[in-house]
Amino acid sequence: MKNKFYKFIAKLNKALLPSYSKQRLDLSKASKLQMAIIGWGYFITTKALD
């Protein structure tokens, strides 16, 4: 049940959130909001893969 939820959220993230890797964002120059979005994406992706 949880895994399906996280996979659904991961698909929403992919559709709605910006892709910083495609924009070639330097992590050392990222703002706090950008870092929070990256962290959120990482958290959801790791949970969806479990």
N, C-alpha and C. Protein backbone atom coordinates (compact mmCIF):
# COMPACT_ATOMS: atom_id res chain seq x y z
N MET A 1 0.82 -1.19 0.00
CA MET A 1 0.00 0.00 0.00
C MET A 1 0.87 1.26 0.00
N LYS A 2 1.85 1.30 0.90
CA LYS A 2 2.73 2.47 0.97
C LYS A 2 3.53 2.62 -0.31
N ASN A 3 3.99 1.49 -0.85
CA ASN A 3 4.82 1.54 -2.04
C ASN A 3 4.06 2.15 -3.21
N LYS A 4 2.79 1.82 -3.37
CA LYS A 4 1.98 2.39 -4.44
C LYS A 4 1.81 3.88 -4.24
N PHE A 5 1.65 4.30 -2.99
CA PHE A 5 1.51 5.72 -2.68
C PHE A 5 2.77 6.48 -3.08
N TYR A 6 3.93 5.95 -2.71
CA TYR A 6 5.18 6.63 -3.03
C TYR A 6 5.45 6.64 -4.53
N LYS A 7 5.07 5.57 -5.22
CA LYS A 7 5.23 5.56 -6.68
C LYS A 7 4.34 6.61 -7.33
N PHE A 8 3.14 6.77 -6.81
CA PHE A 8 2.23 7.79 -7.33
C PHE A 8 2.80 9.19 -7.09
N ILE A 9 3.30 9.44 -5.89
CA ILE A 9 3.91 10.73 -5.57
C ILE A 9 5.14 10.97 -6.45
N ALA A 10 5.92 9.92 -6.73
CA ALA A 10 7.11 10.06 -7.58
C ALA A 10 6.71 10.48 -9.00
N LYS A 11 5.62 9.92 -9.50
CA LYS A 11 5.14 10.31 -10.84
C LYS A 11 4.67 11.76 -10.84
N LEU A 12 4.01 12.19 -9.77
CA LEU A 12 3.60 13.58 -9.67
C LEU A 12 4.82 14.50 -9.62
N ASN A 13 5.81 14.11 -8.85
CA ASN A 13 7.03 14.91 -8.76
C ASN A 13 7.68 15.06 -10.12
N LYS A 14 7.73 13.97 -10.86
CA LYS A 14 8.37 14.03 -12.18
C LYS A 14 7.62 14.97 -13.11
N ALA A 15 6.30 15.00 -12.98
CA ALA A 15 5.50 15.85 -13.86
C ALA A 15 5.51 17.32 -13.43
N LEU A 16 5.55 17.57 -12.12
CA LEU A 16 5.36 18.93 -11.62
C LEU A 16 6.64 19.66 -11.23
N LEU A 17 7.60 18.96 -10.67
CA LEU A 17 8.80 19.62 -10.16
C LEU A 17 9.82 19.82 -11.26
N PRO A 18 10.63 20.87 -11.16
CA PRO A 18 11.65 21.12 -12.19
C PRO A 18 12.78 20.09 -12.11
N SER A 19 13.38 19.82 -13.25
CA SER A 19 14.52 18.92 -13.31
C SER A 19 15.79 19.75 -13.31
N TYR A 20 16.45 19.77 -12.17
CA TYR A 20 17.66 20.57 -12.05
C TYR A 20 18.85 19.92 -12.75
N SER A 21 18.82 18.62 -12.96
CA SER A 21 19.92 17.99 -13.68
C SER A 21 19.90 18.40 -15.15
N LYS A 22 18.72 18.57 -15.72
CA LYS A 22 18.63 19.03 -17.10
C LYS A 22 19.05 20.49 -17.23
N GLN A 23 18.87 21.25 -16.15
CA GLN A 23 19.27 22.66 -16.15
C GLN A 23 20.74 22.83 -15.77
N ARG A 24 21.41 21.73 -15.46
CA ARG A 24 22.82 21.73 -15.05
C ARG A 24 23.06 22.65 -13.86
N LEU A 25 22.24 22.49 -12.84
CA LEU A 25 22.36 23.29 -11.63
C LEU A 25 23.57 22.83 -10.82
N ASP A 26 24.40 23.77 -10.42
CA ASP A 26 25.53 23.49 -9.55
C ASP A 26 25.01 23.45 -8.12
N LEU A 27 25.19 22.34 -7.43
CA LEU A 27 24.64 22.19 -6.08
C LEU A 27 25.24 23.17 -5.09
N SER A 28 26.46 23.59 -5.32
CA SER A 28 27.08 24.55 -4.41
C SER A 28 26.46 25.94 -4.55
N LYS A 29 25.78 26.20 -5.67
CA LYS A 29 25.15 27.50 -5.90
C LYS A 29 23.64 27.45 -5.78
N ALA A 30 23.10 26.31 -5.39
CA ALA A 30 21.64 26.15 -5.30
C ALA A 30 21.10 26.90 -4.08
N SER A 31 19.90 27.45 -4.24
CA SER A 31 19.25 28.14 -3.12
C SER A 31 18.68 27.10 -2.16
N LYS A 32 18.21 27.58 -1.02
CA LYS A 32 17.64 26.67 -0.03
C LYS A 32 16.37 26.01 -0.54
N LEU A 33 15.58 26.74 -1.31
CA LEU A 33 14.37 26.16 -1.88
C LEU A 33 14.72 25.07 -2.89
N GLN A 34 15.71 25.31 -3.72
CA GLN A 34 16.14 24.31 -4.69
C GLN A 34 16.69 23.07 -3.98
N MET A 35 17.44 23.27 -2.91
CA MET A 35 17.96 22.14 -2.15
C MET A 35 16.84 21.35 -1.49
N ALA A 36 15.79 22.04 -1.02
CA ALA A 36 14.65 21.36 -0.42
C ALA A 36 13.92 20.53 -1.47
N ILE A 37 13.78 21.05 -2.67
CA ILE A 37 13.12 20.30 -3.74
C ILE A 37 13.94 19.07 -4.13
N ILE A 38 15.24 19.23 -4.19
CA ILE A 38 16.13 18.10 -4.50
C ILE A 38 16.02 17.04 -3.40
N GLY A 39 16.03 17.46 -2.16
CA GLY A 39 15.91 16.53 -1.03
C GLY A 39 14.58 15.80 -1.03
N TRP A 40 13.50 16.52 -1.33
CA TRP A 40 12.17 15.91 -1.40
C TRP A 40 12.14 14.85 -2.50
N GLY A 41 12.67 15.19 -3.66
CA GLY A 41 12.71 14.23 -4.76
C GLY A 41 13.52 12.99 -4.42
N TYR A 42 14.64 13.19 -3.75
CA TYR A 42 15.47 12.06 -3.33
C TYR A 42 14.74 11.18 -2.34
N PHE A 43 14.09 11.78 -1.36
CA PHE A 43 13.36 11.03 -0.34
C PHE A 43 12.26 10.18 -0.97
N ILE A 44 11.45 10.78 -1.82
CA ILE A 44 10.34 10.06 -2.45
C ILE A 44 10.85 8.98 -3.38
N THR A 45 11.92 9.26 -4.13
CA THR A 45 12.47 8.27 -5.05
C THR A 45 12.99 7.05 -4.30
N THR A 46 13.69 7.26 -3.19
CA THR A 46 14.21 6.11 -2.43
C THR A 46 13.08 5.31 -1.81
N LYS A 47 12.03 5.96 -1.35
CA LYS A 47 10.89 5.25 -0.79
C LYS A 47 10.13 4.47 -1.86
N ALA A 48 10.03 5.03 -3.07
CA ALA A 48 9.31 4.37 -4.16
C ALA A 48 10.07 3.13 -4.65
N LEU A 49 11.38 3.12 -4.51
CA LEU A 49 12.18 1.99 -4.97
C LEU A 49 12.23 0.83 -3.98
N ASP A 50 11.87 1.07 -2.75
CA ASP A 50 11.91 0.00 -1.73
C ASP A 50 10.89 -1.08 -2.00
